Amino acid sequence: MITVTDGAAEKVRILLNEQGNDGHGLRMGVMGGGCSGFQYKLDFEEKEGEMDQVFEINGVKIFIDMKSSLYLNGVTLDYNDGLMGAGFKIENPNARTTCGCGESFSA
């Protein structure tokens, strides 16, 4: 369903460790908003919700709610630590358009 690059998985593990949240997972979601209609949401959670899909990818637990899974099928989560800025990047083959900053999209 989704791909998590080695770099993104390593950054998630580092952040979880720094926050003392070993054993937690990464919640990936989509919510209304942003300049293109939908925006991505990433957060850490201790355990999955009742209706979540759960994946273990590159040693990281990923939680995705059923509604978000419609928009996240086939996405790649990457992490870039370049000179022009560091951060997570989501490549979504289902997005028809994205905004200039890459944080929102339309489906």
Protein backbone atom coordinates (compact mmCIF):
# COMPACT_ATOMS: atom_id res chain seq x y z
CA MET A 1 0.00 0.00 0.00
CA ILE A 2 2.73 2.52 0.91
CA THR A 3 6.50 2.74 0.71
CA VAL A 4 8.75 4.15 3.43
CA THR A 5 12.31 4.83 2.29
CA ASP A 6 15.25 3.81 4.42
CA GLY A 7 15.98 7.49 5.17
CA ALA A 8 12.43 8.18 6.33
CA ALA A 9 12.32 5.05 8.48
CA GLU A 10 15.63 5.96 10.11
CA LYS A 11 14.44 9.52 10.86
CA VAL A 12 11.19 8.20 12.38
CA ARG A 13 13.17 5.81 14.61
CA ILE A 14 15.50 8.66 15.69
CA LEU A 15 12.60 10.98 16.52
CA LEU A 16 10.74 8.28 18.46
CA ASN A 17 13.88 7.49 20.43
CA GLU A 18 14.60 11.17 21.18
CA GLN A 19 11.05 11.61 22.50
CA GLY A 20 11.23 8.43 24.59
CA ASN A 21 8.47 6.86 22.52
CA ASP A 22 10.12 3.60 21.51
CA GLY A 23 7.43 1.14 20.47
CA HIS A 24 5.13 3.85 19.12
CA GLY A 25 4.21 4.14 15.47
CA LEU A 26 3.73 6.81 12.83
CA ARG A 27 0.20 7.89 11.97
CA MET A 28 -0.19 8.99 8.37
CA GLY A 29 -3.40 10.76 7.52
CA VAL A 30 -5.18 13.08 5.14
CA MET A 31 -7.48 15.89 6.20
CA GLY A 32 -9.32 18.69 4.46
CA GLY A 33 -7.41 21.94 4.15
CA GLY A 34 -4.37 23.45 2.56
CA CYS A 35 -4.36 25.47 -0.61
CA SER A 36 -5.20 22.46 -2.83
CA GLY A 37 -8.03 20.90 -0.80
CA PHE A 38 -6.33 18.12 1.20
CA GLN A 39 -3.28 18.10 3.40
CA TYR A 40 -1.12 15.38 4.88
CA LYS A 41 -0.81 14.77 8.59
CA LEU A 42 2.03 12.90 10.30
CA ASP A 43 2.01 12.21 14.03
CA PHE A 44 3.28 9.65 16.52
CA GLU A 45 0.88 7.35 18.36
CA GLU A 46 1.26 4.59 20.89
CA LYS A 47 -1.15 2.15 19.28
CA GLU A 48 -3.50 1.77 16.35
CA GLY A 49 -7.15 2.74 16.36
CA GLU A 50 -9.98 0.26 15.98
CA MET A 51 -10.46 0.88 12.25
CA ASP A 52 -6.80 1.48 11.30
CA GLN A 53 -4.76 -0.40 8.79
CA VAL A 54 -1.38 -1.24 10.32
CA PHE A 55 1.83 -1.84 8.38
CA GLU A 56 5.36 -2.60 9.53
CA ILE A 57 7.71 -1.12 6.95
CA ASN A 58 11.47 -0.87 7.38
CA GLY A 59 11.06 -1.49 11.10
CA VAL A 60 8.48 1.29 11.58
CA LYS A 61 4.82 0.76 12.47
CA ILE A 62 2.51 2.83 10.26
CA PHE A 63 -1.11 3.51 11.23
CA ILE A 64 -3.58 4.71 8.57
CA ASP A 65 -7.29 5.27 9.15
CA MET A 66 -9.71 3.86 6.58
CA LYS A 67 -10.68 7.24 5.08
CA SER A 68 -7.06 8.35 4.64
CA SER A 69 -6.15 5.02 3.06
CA LEU A 70 -8.23 5.99 0.02
CA TYR A 71 -5.83 8.89 -0.64
CA LEU A 72 -2.59 7.27 0.53
CA ASN A 73 -2.60 4.09 -1.53
CA GLY A 74 0.69 3.89 -3.40
CA VAL A 75 2.41 6.85 -1.70
CA THR A 76 6.09 7.00 -0.83
CA LEU A 77 7.25 8.64 2.40
CA ASP A 78 10.80 9.98 2.14
CA TYR A 79 13.02 12.20 4.27
CA ASN A 80 15.33 14.82 2.82
CA ASP A 81 18.11 16.41 4.84
CA GLY A 82 19.50 18.80 2.24
CA LEU A 83 20.91 22.31 2.33
CA MET A 84 17.63 23.81 1.13
CA GLY A 85 15.72 22.39 4.07
CA ALA A 86 15.04 19.16 5.84
CA GLY A 87 11.77 17.33 6.22
CA PHE A 88 9.49 14.50 5.26
CA LYS A 89 8.19 14.39 1.72
CA ILE A 90 5.20 12.43 0.46
CA GLU A 91 5.11 11.44 -3.19
CA ASN A 92 1.52 10.66 -4.10
CA PRO A 93 0.75 9.14 -7.52
CA ASN A 94 -2.98 9.70 -6.89
CA ALA A 95 -2.71 13.49 -6.55
CA ARG A 96 -4.03 15.38 -9.56
CA THR A 97 -2.43 18.64 -8.46
CA THR A 98 -0.19 19.75 -5.60
CA CYS A 99 0.58 23.13 -4.16
CA GLY A 100 3.98 24.79 -4.50
CA CYS A 101 5.12 23.75 -1.03
CA GLY A 102 4.09 20.12 -1.58
CA GLU A 103 2.08 19.89 1.62
CA SER A 104 -1.37 19.81 0.08
CA PHE A 105 -2.98 18.18 -2.93
CA SER A 106 -6.23 17.58 -4.77
CA ALA A 107 -7.52 14.15 -5.63
